[in-house]
Amino acid sequence: AAIKFSPGVERADFAAIDVPTAWEWIAEGDRLVQAVAWSGEFAGADGEAGKTRATLLAPRSAQRTAPDEAPQSIAGLPDDARHDRLPIAEGIRPGDFLGEPVAALERAALLTEAAAGGTQELARGLGLVVSRAPLAEPWFESFEFIEECTAREDALRTALARHTLVARSVRVRGRAADADAITRALGARPDGSGVVFIFREGKRARALVARAR
């Protein structure tokens, strides 16, 4: 069978079902559109069962250059089933790159499969990775890390101005901050070069300022 789901489905909710299954998340451009659970022969005869797959029908790079480019897929063991999962970064330094996976890759938990050697997770399960060099498109969008500051509007404005950056977007993980309110406060605009990431670590909200490439 092939069972279609909303892309928000949680794979772990079906772990107790004793049917070999291969999960796939499908995106069109930046929009996550579908999840599919493949079972039986559809799960693949070459060991695909137990693996996950991310498929991009129109990768971000293709939208800019060749809209008719063929879909791209990547498959492998999900991060939570690997003994060689990306390690957790001890920290992030100016000049490092902060990588944000495309939604299909993140939902399929294939960060380890797609990332280059030396890449680390910023925090376990956060969905952001740290690398010494930009990671390959179309699976990641990479930003040059500039500095960390408190997650307050005045501190973020000061940090952006110090590096002559204009905010492009504010990307919040979880409920660490009100992304819309901070975006308005920083006067973010599409042609800006600064990207702000805010996430929670324990009880503390962290804000990272980065430069778009």
N, C-alpha and C. Protein backbone atom coordinates (compact mmCIF):
# COMPACT_ATOMS: atom_id res chain seq x y z
N ALA A 1 0.83 -1.20 0.00
CA ALA A 1 0.00 0.00 0.00
C ALA A 1 0.87 1.25 0.00
N ALA A 2 0.29 2.33 -0.46
CA ALA A 2 0.87 3.66 -0.33
C ALA A 2 -0.19 4.53 0.34
N ILE A 3 0.11 5.02 1.53
CA ILE A 3 -0.87 5.78 2.30
C ILE A 3 -0.43 7.24 2.37
N LYS A 4 -1.30 8.13 1.91
CA LYS A 4 -0.96 9.55 1.91
C LYS A 4 -1.37 10.19 3.23
N PHE A 5 -0.49 11.07 3.73
CA PHE A 5 -0.72 11.79 4.97
C PHE A 5 -0.47 13.28 4.76
N SER A 6 -1.00 14.06 5.69
CA SER A 6 -0.57 15.45 5.80
C SER A 6 0.92 15.45 6.12
N PRO A 7 1.68 16.44 5.62
CA PRO A 7 3.13 16.45 5.90
C PRO A 7 3.46 16.65 7.37
N GLY A 8 2.48 16.99 8.19
CA GLY A 8 2.74 17.15 9.62
C GLY A 8 2.68 15.85 10.39
N VAL A 9 2.48 14.71 9.72
CA VAL A 9 2.38 13.42 10.40
C VAL A 9 3.67 13.12 11.17
N GLU A 10 3.51 12.48 12.32
CA GLU A 10 4.66 12.09 13.13
C GLU A 10 4.95 10.60 12.89
N ARG A 11 6.07 10.32 12.31
CA ARG A 11 6.46 8.94 12.02
C ARG A 11 6.48 8.08 13.29
N ALA A 12 6.89 8.66 14.40
CA ALA A 12 7.01 7.91 15.65
C ALA A 12 5.65 7.39 16.14
N ASP A 13 4.56 8.05 15.74
CA ASP A 13 3.23 7.61 16.18
C ASP A 13 2.86 6.24 15.63
N PHE A 14 3.58 5.78 14.59
CA PHE A 14 3.26 4.52 13.95
C PHE A 14 4.33 3.46 14.20
N ALA A 15 5.21 3.72 15.16
CA ALA A 15 6.33 2.81 15.41
C ALA A 15 5.89 1.43 15.85
N ALA A 16 4.72 1.33 16.52
CA ALA A 16 4.27 0.04 17.04
C ALA A 16 3.64 -0.84 15.97
N ILE A 17 3.40 -0.31 14.78
CA ILE A 17 2.78 -1.10 13.72
C ILE A 17 3.85 -1.98 13.08
N ASP A 18 3.63 -3.29 13.13
CA ASP A 18 4.64 -4.25 12.69
C ASP A 18 4.54 -4.51 11.19
N VAL A 19 4.71 -3.45 10.40
CA VAL A 19 4.70 -3.55 8.95
C VAL A 19 5.91 -2.77 8.44
N PRO A 20 6.81 -3.40 7.71
CA PRO A 20 7.96 -2.66 7.16
C PRO A 20 7.48 -1.48 6.32
N THR A 21 7.95 -0.32 6.67
CA THR A 21 7.45 0.91 6.05
C THR A 21 8.60 1.84 5.69
N ALA A 22 8.48 2.48 4.55
CA ALA A 22 9.41 3.53 4.15
C ALA A 22 8.62 4.84 4.06
N TRP A 23 9.04 5.84 4.81
CA TRP A 23 8.34 7.12 4.85
C TRP A 23 8.99 8.11 3.90
N GLU A 24 8.15 8.91 3.24
CA GLU A 24 8.65 9.94 2.32
C GLU A 24 7.94 11.26 2.58
N TRP A 25 8.72 12.35 2.58
CA TRP A 25 8.15 13.71 2.67
C TRP A 25 8.48 14.44 1.39
N ILE A 26 7.47 15.10 0.84
CA ILE A 26 7.58 15.72 -0.48
C ILE A 26 7.34 17.22 -0.37
N ALA A 27 8.22 17.99 -0.99
CA ALA A 27 8.09 19.45 -1.00
C ALA A 27 8.08 19.96 -2.42
N GLU A 28 7.38 21.05 -2.61
CA GLU A 28 7.38 21.75 -3.90
C GLU A 28 7.90 23.15 -3.63
N GLY A 29 9.12 23.41 -4.07
CA GLY A 29 9.77 24.66 -3.71
C GLY A 29 9.98 24.70 -2.22
N ASP A 30 9.56 25.78 -1.57
CA ASP A 30 9.70 25.92 -0.13
C ASP A 30 8.50 25.36 0.64
N ARG A 31 7.55 24.78 -0.07
CA ARG A 31 6.29 24.35 0.56
C ARG A 31 6.24 22.84 0.71
N LEU A 32 6.10 22.38 1.94
CA LEU A 32 5.95 20.95 2.22
C LEU A 32 4.51 20.56 1.90
N VAL A 33 4.32 19.59 1.00
CA VAL A 33 2.97 19.33 0.50
C VAL A 33 2.41 17.95 0.84
N GLN A 34 3.25 16.96 1.13
CA GLN A 34 2.71 15.60 1.26
C GLN A 34 3.67 14.71 2.03
N ALA A 35 3.10 13.74 2.75
CA ALA A 35 3.89 12.63 3.30
C ALA A 35 3.25 11.35 2.80
N VAL A 36 4.07 10.35 2.55
CA VAL A 36 3.57 9.06 2.07
C VAL A 36 4.26 7.94 2.84
N ALA A 37 3.48 6.97 3.30
CA ALA A 37 4.03 5.77 3.92
C ALA A 37 3.92 4.65 2.90
N TRP A 38 5.07 4.13 2.47
CA TRP A 38 5.11 3.06 1.48
C TRP A 38 5.31 1.74 2.22
N SER A 39 4.51 0.72 1.90
CA SER A 39 4.66 -0.58 2.57
C SER A 39 4.67 -1.70 1.54
N GLY A 40 4.99 -2.90 2.01
CA GLY A 40 5.04 -4.04 1.12
C GLY A 40 6.05 -3.84 0.01
N GLU A 41 5.69 -4.24 -1.21
CA GLU A 41 6.62 -4.09 -2.34
C GLU A 41 6.95 -2.63 -2.61
N PHE A 42 6.01 -1.74 -2.29
CA PHE A 42 6.27 -0.31 -2.51
C PHE A 42 7.38 0.22 -1.60
N ALA A 43 7.62 -0.47 -0.48
CA ALA A 43 8.69 -0.03 0.42
C ALA A 43 10.06 -0.32 -0.16
N GLY A 44 10.11 -1.13 -1.21
CA GLY A 44 11.37 -1.41 -1.88
C GLY A 44 11.95 -2.74 -1.47
N ALA A 45 12.50 -3.43 -2.44
CA ALA A 45 13.07 -4.74 -2.16
C ALA A 45 14.56 -4.66 -1.82
N ASP A 46 15.12 -3.47 -1.83
CA ASP A 46 16.57 -3.33 -1.62
C ASP A 46 16.87 -2.69 -0.27
N GLY A 47 16.06 -3.00 0.73
CA GLY A 47 16.36 -2.49 2.06
C GLY A 47 15.80 -1.11 2.35
N GLU A 48 14.85 -0.65 1.52
CA GLU A 48 14.30 0.69 1.74
C GLU A 48 13.42 0.75 3.00
N ALA A 49 12.77 -0.37 3.35
CA ALA A 49 11.92 -0.37 4.54
C ALA A 49 12.75 0.02 5.76
N GLY A 50 12.19 0.91 6.56
CA GLY A 50 12.91 1.42 7.71
C GLY A 50 13.65 2.70 7.41
N LYS A 51 13.79 3.02 6.13
CA LYS A 51 14.45 4.26 5.73
C LYS A 51 13.41 5.37 5.53
N THR A 52 13.88 6.57 5.40
CA THR A 52 13.01 7.69 5.06
C THR A 52 13.57 8.35 3.80
N ARG A 53 12.72 9.14 3.16
CA ARG A 53 13.11 9.80 1.92
C ARG A 53 12.58 11.22 1.92
N ALA A 54 13.37 12.13 1.38
CA ALA A 54 12.95 13.51 1.15
C ALA A 54 13.00 13.77 -0.35
N THR A 55 11.93 14.33 -0.89
CA THR A 55 11.85 14.59 -2.32
C THR A 55 11.48 16.05 -2.56
N LEU A 56 12.22 16.68 -3.46
CA LEU A 56 11.94 18.07 -3.84
C LEU A 56 11.46 18.07 -5.28
N LEU A 57 10.20 18.45 -5.48
CA LEU A 57 9.64 18.49 -6.83
C LEU A 57 10.17 19.68 -7.62
N ALA A 58 10.46 20.77 -6.92
CA ALA A 58 11.00 21.96 -7.57
C ALA A 58 11.96 22.60 -6.59
N PRO A 59 13.21 22.14 -6.56
CA PRO A 59 14.18 22.69 -5.62
C PRO A 59 14.30 24.19 -5.75
N ARG A 60 14.67 24.85 -4.64
CA ARG A 60 14.80 26.31 -4.61
C ARG A 60 15.72 26.80 -5.72
N SER A 61 16.85 26.11 -5.94
CA SER A 61 17.79 26.54 -6.98
C SER A 61 17.18 26.39 -8.37
N ALA A 62 16.36 25.35 -8.57
CA ALA A 62 15.74 25.13 -9.86
C ALA A 62 14.71 26.21 -10.17
N GLN A 63 14.03 26.70 -9.14
CA GLN A 63 13.03 27.75 -9.35
C GLN A 63 13.69 29.00 -9.91
N ARG A 64 14.95 29.23 -9.52
CA ARG A 64 15.64 30.43 -9.99
C ARG A 64 16.21 30.26 -11.39
N THR A 65 16.60 29.01 -11.75
CA THR A 65 17.34 28.82 -12.99
C THR A 65 16.60 27.98 -14.01
N ALA A 66 16.22 26.77 -13.64
CA ALA A 66 15.59 25.85 -14.59
C ALA A 66 14.35 25.24 -13.96
N PRO A 67 13.21 25.91 -14.07
CA PRO A 67 11.98 25.44 -13.42
C PRO A 67 11.58 24.02 -13.78
N ASP A 68 12.01 23.52 -14.94
CA ASP A 68 11.62 22.18 -15.37
C ASP A 68 12.61 21.11 -14.92
N GLU A 69 13.55 21.46 -14.06
CA GLU A 69 14.54 20.50 -13.58
C GLU A 69 13.85 19.32 -12.90
N ALA A 70 14.42 18.12 -13.09
CA ALA A 70 13.83 16.90 -12.53
C ALA A 70 13.82 16.94 -11.00
N PRO A 71 12.85 16.28 -10.38
CA PRO A 71 12.81 16.22 -8.92
C PRO A 71 14.10 15.60 -8.38
N GLN A 72 14.42 15.96 -7.15
CA GLN A 72 15.59 15.39 -6.48
C GLN A 72 15.16 14.69 -5.21
N SER A 73 15.79 13.56 -4.92
CA SER A 73 15.45 12.79 -3.72
C SER A 73 16.71 12.36 -3.01
N ILE A 74 16.58 12.15 -1.72
CA ILE A 74 17.65 11.58 -0.91
C ILE A 74 17.00 10.66 0.11
N ALA A 75 17.61 9.51 0.34
CA ALA A 75 17.03 8.52 1.25
C ALA A 75 18.12 7.92 2.13
N GLY A 76 17.73 7.44 3.29
CA GLY A 76 18.69 6.80 4.18
C GLY A 76 18.04 6.51 5.53
N LEU A 77 18.83 6.00 6.44
CA LEU A 77 18.32 5.78 7.79
C LEU A 77 18.09 7.13 8.45
N PRO A 78 16.96 7.31 9.14
CA PRO A 78 16.73 8.59 9.83
C PRO A 78 17.70 8.76 10.99
N ASP A 79 17.91 10.00 11.37
CA ASP A 79 18.90 10.32 12.40
C ASP A 79 18.71 9.52 13.67
N ASP A 80 17.47 9.32 14.11
CA ASP A 80 17.23 8.64 15.37
C ASP A 80 17.50 7.14 15.30
N ALA A 81 17.80 6.61 14.11
CA ALA A 81 18.09 5.18 13.97
C ALA A 81 19.57 4.93 13.64
N ARG A 82 20.39 5.98 13.68
CA ARG A 82 21.79 5.85 13.27
C ARG A 82 22.73 5.85 14.47
N HIS A 83 23.77 5.03 14.38
CA HIS A 83 24.81 5.07 15.42
C HIS A 83 25.83 6.17 15.13
N ASP A 84 25.84 6.65 13.87
CA ASP A 84 26.79 7.70 13.48
C ASP A 84 26.09 9.04 13.28
N ARG A 85 25.06 9.28 14.06
CA ARG A 85 24.32 10.55 13.96
C ARG A 85 25.26 11.73 14.19
N LEU A 86 24.94 12.86 13.56
CA LEU A 86 25.76 14.06 13.73
C LEU A 86 25.95 14.37 15.21
N PRO A 87 27.18 14.69 15.62
CA PRO A 87 27.39 15.05 17.02
C PRO A 87 26.83 16.43 17.32
N ILE A 88 26.71 16.74 18.60
CA ILE A 88 26.24 18.07 19.02
C ILE A 88 27.43 19.01 19.07
N ALA A 89 27.27 20.19 18.51
CA ALA A 89 28.35 21.18 18.48
C ALA A 89 28.64 21.71 19.89
N GLU A 90 29.91 21.87 20.20
CA GLU A 90 30.28 22.46 21.49
C GLU A 90 30.04 23.96 21.49
N GLY A 91 29.95 24.54 20.32
CA GLY A 91 29.69 25.98 20.21
C GLY A 91 29.73 26.37 18.75
N ILE A 92 29.51 27.63 18.49
CA ILE A 92 29.57 28.17 17.13
C ILE A 92 30.39 29.44 17.17
N ARG A 93 31.29 29.60 16.19
CA ARG A 93 32.23 30.72 16.17
C ARG A 93 31.98 31.59 14.94
N PRO A 94 32.29 32.88 15.04
CA PRO A 94 32.19 33.74 13.85
C PRO A 94 32.99 33.13 12.70
N GLY A 95 32.38 33.10 11.54
CA GLY A 95 33.02 32.48 10.39
C GLY A 95 32.51 31.08 10.13
N ASP A 96 31.92 30.43 11.15
CA ASP A 96 31.25 29.15 10.92
C ASP A 96 29.98 29.41 10.11
N PHE A 97 29.42 28.34 9.57
CA PHE A 97 28.18 28.46 8.81
C PHE A 97 27.05 27.75 9.54
N LEU A 98 25.92 28.41 9.56
CA LEU A 98 24.71 27.87 10.17
C LEU A 98 23.84 27.35 9.02
N GLY A 99 23.51 26.07 9.07
CA GLY A 99 22.73 25.47 7.99
C GLY A 99 21.31 25.16 8.42
N GLU A 100 20.36 25.58 7.58
CA GLU A 100 18.95 25.27 7.84
C GLU A 100 18.48 24.32 6.75
N PRO A 101 18.03 23.11 7.12
CA PRO A 101 17.60 22.15 6.10
C PRO A 101 16.26 22.54 5.49
N VAL A 102 16.03 22.10 4.26
CA VAL A 102 14.70 22.27 3.68
C VAL A 102 13.74 21.41 4.49
N ALA A 103 12.47 21.80 4.46
CA ALA A 103 11.49 21.16 5.35
C ALA A 103 11.38 19.66 5.13
N ALA A 104 11.43 19.20 3.87
CA ALA A 104 11.30 17.77 3.61
C ALA A 104 12.44 16.98 4.23
N LEU A 105 13.64 17.53 4.16
CA LEU A 105 14.80 16.85 4.75
C LEU A 105 14.69 16.80 6.26
N GLU A 106 14.25 17.89 6.86
CA GLU A 106 14.12 17.92 8.31
C GLU A 106 13.04 16.96 8.79
N ARG A 107 11.90 16.93 8.11
CA ARG A 107 10.82 16.03 8.52
C ARG A 107 11.23 14.57 8.35
N ALA A 108 12.04 14.29 7.33
CA ALA A 108 12.51 12.92 7.11
C ALA A 108 13.66 12.54 8.03
N ALA A 109 14.14 13.50 8.82
CA ALA A 109 15.25 13.27 9.77
C ALA A 109 16.48 12.73 9.06
N LEU A 110 16.86 13.39 7.97
CA LEU A 110 17.99 12.94 7.17
C LEU A 110 19.16 13.94 7.20
N LEU A 111 19.32 14.65 8.32
CA LEU A 111 20.42 15.62 8.40
C LEU A 111 21.77 14.92 8.23
N THR A 112 21.94 13.78 8.90
CA THR A 112 23.22 13.07 8.83
C THR A 112 23.48 12.58 7.42
N GLU A 113 22.45 12.07 6.76
CA GLU A 113 22.60 11.55 5.40
C GLU A 113 23.03 12.64 4.43
N ALA A 114 22.49 13.85 4.59
CA ALA A 114 22.71 14.90 3.61
C ALA A 114 23.91 15.78 3.91
N ALA A 115 24.34 15.83 5.18
CA ALA A 115 25.39 16.77 5.56
C ALA A 115 26.77 16.25 5.22
N ALA A 116 27.69 17.18 5.02
CA ALA A 116 29.08 16.82 4.75
C ALA A 116 29.80 16.46 6.05
N GLY A 117 30.94 15.81 5.91
CA GLY A 117 31.73 15.45 7.08
C GLY A 117 32.14 16.68 7.88
N GLY A 118 32.15 16.54 9.20
CA GLY A 118 32.51 17.65 10.06
C GLY A 118 31.34 18.51 10.48
N THR A 119 30.16 18.25 9.92
CA THR A 119 28.97 18.99 10.29
C THR A 119 28.46 18.51 11.65
N GLN A 120 27.91 19.43 12.45
CA GLN A 120 27.39 19.10 13.77
C GLN A 120 26.01 19.71 13.94
N GLU A 121 25.21 19.10 14.81
CA GLU A 121 23.92 19.70 15.16
C GLU A 121 24.14 20.80 16.19
N LEU A 122 23.48 21.92 16.01
CA LEU A 122 23.62 23.00 16.98
C LEU A 122 23.08 22.56 18.33
N ALA A 123 21.96 21.87 18.33
CA ALA A 123 21.38 21.26 19.54
C ALA A 123 20.56 20.08 19.07
N ARG A 124 20.48 19.05 19.88
CA ARG A 124 19.81 17.82 19.44
C ARG A 124 18.34 18.07 19.13
N GLY A 125 17.95 17.72 17.90
CA GLY A 125 16.57 17.84 17.48
C GLY A 125 16.13 19.23 17.08
N LEU A 126 17.05 20.22 17.14
CA LEU A 126 16.67 21.59 16.80
C LEU A 126 16.46 21.78 15.31
N GLY A 127 17.19 21.02 14.50
CA GLY A 127 17.06 21.15 13.06
C GLY A 127 18.02 22.14 12.43
N LEU A 128 18.96 22.68 13.19
CA LEU A 128 19.98 23.57 12.65
C LEU A 128 21.34 22.90 12.82
N VAL A 129 22.21 23.09 11.83
CA VAL A 129 23.52 22.46 11.88
C VAL A 129 24.61 23.51 11.74
N VAL A 130 25.81 23.15 12.21
CA VAL A 130 26.98 24.02 12.16
C VAL A 130 28.03 23.35 11.29
N SER A 131 28.65 24.11 10.39
CA SER A 131 29.69 23.56 9.52
C SER A 131 30.77 24.62 9.29
N ARG A 132 31.91 24.15 8.84
CA ARG A 132 33.02 25.08 8.56
C ARG A 132 32.89 25.70 7.18
N ALA A 133 32.10 25.10 6.31
CA ALA A 133 31.90 25.61 4.96
C ALA A 133 30.42 25.50 4.62
N PRO A 134 29.94 26.28 3.66
CA PRO A 134 28.52 26.18 3.29
C PRO A 134 28.17 24.77 2.85
N LEU A 135 26.98 24.32 3.23
CA LEU A 135 26.51 23.00 2.84
C LEU A 135 25.82 23.07 1.48
N ALA A 136 25.79 21.93 0.82
CA ALA A 136 25.32 21.90 -0.56
C ALA A 136 23.82 22.12 -0.67
N GLU A 137 23.43 22.96 -1.62
CA GLU A 137 22.03 23.06 -2.02
C GLU A 137 21.70 21.79 -2.81
N PRO A 138 20.45 21.39 -2.92
CA PRO A 138 19.27 22.11 -2.45
C PRO A 138 18.83 21.73 -1.05
N TRP A 139 19.60 20.88 -0.36
CA TRP A 139 19.12 20.35 0.92
C TRP A 139 19.30 21.29 2.08
N PHE A 140 20.24 22.21 1.99
CA PHE A 140 20.48 23.17 3.06
C PHE A 140 20.61 24.57 2.50
N GLU A 141 20.20 25.55 3.31
CA GLU A 141 20.50 26.95 3.04
C GLU A 141 21.49 27.37 4.11
N SER A 142 22.64 27.88 3.70
CA SER A 142 23.71 28.18 4.65
C SER A 142 23.87 29.68 4.85
N PHE A 143 24.18 30.06 6.09
CA PHE A 143 24.36 31.46 6.47
C PHE A 143 25.66 31.59 7.27
N GLU A 144 26.41 32.65 7.03
CA GLU A 144 27.63 32.88 7.79
C GLU A 144 27.29 33.44 9.17
N PHE A 145 27.69 32.73 10.21
CA PHE A 145 27.40 33.18 11.56
C PHE A 145 28.24 34.40 11.90
N ILE A 146 27.59 35.41 12.48
CA ILE A 146 28.27 36.66 12.83
C ILE A 146 28.45 36.78 14.34
N GLU A 147 27.38 36.75 15.09
CA GLU A 147 27.50 36.85 16.55
C GLU A 147 26.20 36.39 17.21
N GLU A 148 26.32 36.12 18.50
CA GLU A 148 25.16 35.77 19.31
C GLU A 148 24.85 36.94 20.24
N CYS A 149 23.57 37.20 20.45
CA CYS A 149 23.18 38.26 21.37
C CYS A 149 21.89 37.83 22.07
N THR A 150 21.44 38.64 23.00
CA THR A 150 20.19 38.32 23.68
C THR A 150 19.03 38.50 22.71
N ALA A 151 17.96 37.79 22.95
CA ALA A 151 16.83 37.79 22.03
C ALA A 151 15.89 38.95 22.30
N ARG A 152 16.44 40.16 22.40
CA ARG A 152 15.65 41.37 22.58
C ARG A 152 15.78 42.23 21.33
N GLU A 153 14.72 42.97 21.04
CA GLU A 153 14.72 43.77 19.82
C GLU A 153 15.85 44.78 19.79
N ASP A 154 16.12 45.46 20.92
CA ASP A 154 17.19 46.46 20.92
C ASP A 154 18.56 45.83 20.72
N ALA A 155 18.78 44.67 21.34
CA ALA A 155 20.06 43.99 21.18
C ALA A 155 20.25 43.50 19.75
N LEU A 156 19.19 43.03 19.14
CA LEU A 156 19.28 42.56 17.76
C LEU A 156 19.52 43.71 16.80
N ARG A 157 18.85 44.83 17.03
CA ARG A 157 19.09 46.01 16.18
C ARG A 157 20.54 46.46 16.26
N THR A 158 21.09 46.47 17.48
CA THR A 158 22.48 46.89 17.68
C THR A 158 23.44 45.94 16.99
N ALA A 159 23.19 44.64 17.12
CA ALA A 159 24.08 43.65 16.50
C ALA A 159 24.05 43.77 14.98
N LEU A 160 22.88 43.93 14.41
CA LEU A 160 22.77 44.07 12.95
C LEU A 160 23.48 45.33 12.47
N ALA A 161 23.26 46.44 13.18
CA ALA A 161 23.89 47.70 12.78
C ALA A 161 25.40 47.63 12.89
N ARG A 162 25.90 46.93 13.92
CA ARG A 162 27.35 46.83 14.14
C ARG A 162 28.04 46.17 12.94
N HIS A 163 27.31 45.33 12.24
CA HIS A 163 27.90 44.64 11.08
C HIS A 163 27.30 45.13 9.77
N THR A 164 26.66 46.30 9.82
CA THR A 164 26.03 46.93 8.65
C THR A 164 25.11 45.95 7.91
N LEU A 165 24.30 45.25 8.68
CA LEU A 165 23.35 44.31 8.11
C LEU A 165 21.93 44.85 8.24
N VAL A 166 21.13 44.62 7.23
CA VAL A 166 19.70 44.91 7.28
C VAL A 166 18.97 43.58 7.38
N ALA A 167 18.06 43.48 8.31
CA ALA A 167 17.37 42.21 8.52
C ALA A 167 16.57 41.80 7.28
N ARG A 168 16.71 40.54 6.91
CA ARG A 168 15.89 39.96 5.85
C ARG A 168 14.73 39.16 6.45
N SER A 169 15.03 38.36 7.46
CA SER A 169 14.00 37.53 8.08
C SER A 169 14.40 37.16 9.49
N VAL A 170 13.39 36.78 10.28
CA VAL A 170 13.59 36.29 11.64
C VAL A 170 13.01 34.89 11.68
N ARG A 171 13.83 33.91 12.01
CA ARG A 171 13.42 32.51 11.97
C ARG A 171 13.44 31.95 13.39
N VAL A 172 12.27 31.64 13.89
CA VAL A 172 12.12 31.20 15.28
C VAL A 172 11.82 29.71 15.31
N ARG A 173 12.54 29.00 16.14
CA ARG A 173 12.31 27.57 16.34
C ARG A 173 11.53 27.38 17.63
N GLY A 174 10.46 26.57 17.55
CA GLY A 174 9.62 26.40 18.72
C GLY A 174 8.87 27.69 19.02
N ARG A 175 8.68 27.98 20.28
CA ARG A 175 7.97 29.20 20.67
C ARG A 175 8.89 30.10 21.48
N ALA A 176 10.11 30.22 20.99
CA ALA A 176 11.12 30.99 21.73
C ALA A 176 10.85 32.49 21.68
N ALA A 177 10.11 32.98 20.68
CA ALA A 177 9.84 34.42 20.54
C ALA A 177 8.71 34.61 19.54
N ASP A 178 8.22 35.84 19.47
CA ASP A 178 7.18 36.21 18.51
C ASP A 178 7.87 36.66 17.22
N ALA A 179 7.96 35.78 16.26
CA ALA A 179 8.70 36.08 15.03
C ALA A 179 8.12 37.29 14.29
N ASP A 180 6.79 37.39 14.22
CA ASP A 180 6.17 38.49 13.48
C ASP A 180 6.49 39.83 14.14
N ALA A 181 6.40 39.88 15.47
CA ALA A 181 6.65 41.13 16.18
C ALA A 181 8.10 41.58 16.00
N ILE A 182 9.05 40.64 16.10
CA ILE A 182 10.46 41.01 15.97
C ILE A 182 10.78 41.39 14.52
N THR A 183 10.16 40.70 13.57
CA THR A 183 10.36 41.04 12.16
C THR A 183 9.94 42.48 11.89
N ARG A 184 8.78 42.86 12.43
CA ARG A 184 8.31 44.25 12.25
C ARG A 184 9.24 45.24 12.96
N ALA A 185 9.65 44.89 14.17
CA ALA A 185 10.48 45.80 14.96
C ALA A 185 11.84 46.05 14.29
N LEU A 186 12.36 45.03 13.60
CA LEU A 186 13.66 45.16 12.95
C LEU A 186 13.55 45.76 11.55
N GLY A 187 12.33 45.96 11.08
CA GLY A 187 12.15 46.51 9.74
C GLY A 187 12.69 45.60 8.66
N ALA A 188 12.48 44.30 8.82
CA ALA A 188 13.02 43.34 7.86
C ALA A 188 12.44 43.58 6.47
N ARG A 189 13.27 43.37 5.46
CA ARG A 189 12.82 43.54 4.08
C ARG A 189 13.48 42.49 3.19
N PRO A 190 12.87 42.14 2.07
CA PRO A 190 13.34 41.03 1.24
C PRO A 190 14.76 41.17 0.72
N ASP A 191 15.23 42.41 0.54
CA ASP A 191 16.59 42.60 0.02
C ASP A 191 17.63 42.72 1.13
N GLY A 192 17.24 42.46 2.36
CA GLY A 192 18.19 42.52 3.46
C GLY A 192 19.20 41.39 3.40
N SER A 193 20.30 41.55 4.14
CA SER A 193 21.37 40.54 4.12
C SER A 193 21.54 39.85 5.46
N GLY A 194 20.79 40.27 6.47
CA GLY A 194 20.92 39.68 7.79
C GLY A 194 19.76 38.76 8.12
N VAL A 195 20.07 37.60 8.70
CA VAL A 195 19.04 36.65 9.11
C VAL A 195 19.23 36.35 10.59
N VAL A 196 18.14 36.41 11.33
CA VAL A 196 18.18 36.18 12.78
C VAL A 196 17.51 34.85 13.09
N PHE A 197 18.21 34.01 13.86
CA PHE A 197 17.65 32.74 14.32
C PHE A 197 17.45 32.83 15.83
N ILE A 198 16.28 32.46 16.29
CA ILE A 198 15.98 32.47 17.73
C ILE A 198 15.44 31.10 18.12
N PHE A 199 15.99 30.55 19.17
CA PHE A 199 15.52 29.26 19.66
C PHE A 199 15.73 29.21 21.17
N ARG A 200 15.12 28.24 21.79
CA ARG A 200 15.20 28.12 23.25
C ARG A 200 16.14 27.00 23.63
N GLU A 201 17.01 27.28 24.58
CA GLU A 201 17.90 26.29 25.15
C GLU A 201 17.64 26.27 26.65
N GLY A 202 16.93 25.25 27.11
CA GLY A 202 16.48 25.24 28.50
C GLY A 202 15.47 26.35 28.70
N LYS A 203 15.70 27.20 29.68
CA LYS A 203 14.79 28.32 29.94
C LYS A 203 15.24 29.60 29.25
N ARG A 204 16.36 29.53 28.54
CA ARG A 204 16.93 30.74 27.94
C ARG A 204 16.73 30.76 26.43
N ALA A 205 16.31 31.92 25.91
CA ALA A 205 16.20 32.10 24.46
C ALA A 205 17.54 32.59 23.92
N ARG A 206 18.01 31.95 22.87
CA ARG A 206 19.26 32.36 22.22
C ARG A 206 18.95 32.98 20.87
N ALA A 207 19.69 34.00 20.52
CA ALA A 207 19.53 34.66 19.21
C ALA A 207 20.87 34.67 18.50
N LEU A 208 20.89 34.18 17.27
CA LEU A 208 22.09 34.15 16.45
C LEU A 208 21.88 35.05 15.23
N VAL A 209 22.83 35.92 15.00
CA VAL A 209 22.78 36.83 13.85
C VAL A 209 23.71 36.26 12.77
N ALA A 210 23.20 36.15 11.56
CA ALA A 210 23.98 35.57 10.47
C ALA A 210 23.82 36.40 9.20
N ARG A 211 24.76 36.21 8.28
CA ARG A 211 24.73 36.92 7.00
C ARG A 211 24.30 35.95 5.90
N ALA A 212 23.30 36.33 5.14
CA ALA A 212 22.86 35.51 4.01
C ALA A 212 23.93 35.52 2.92
N ARG A 213 24.07 34.40 2.23
CA ARG A 213 25.06 34.28 1.17
C ARG A 213 24.47 34.75 -0.16
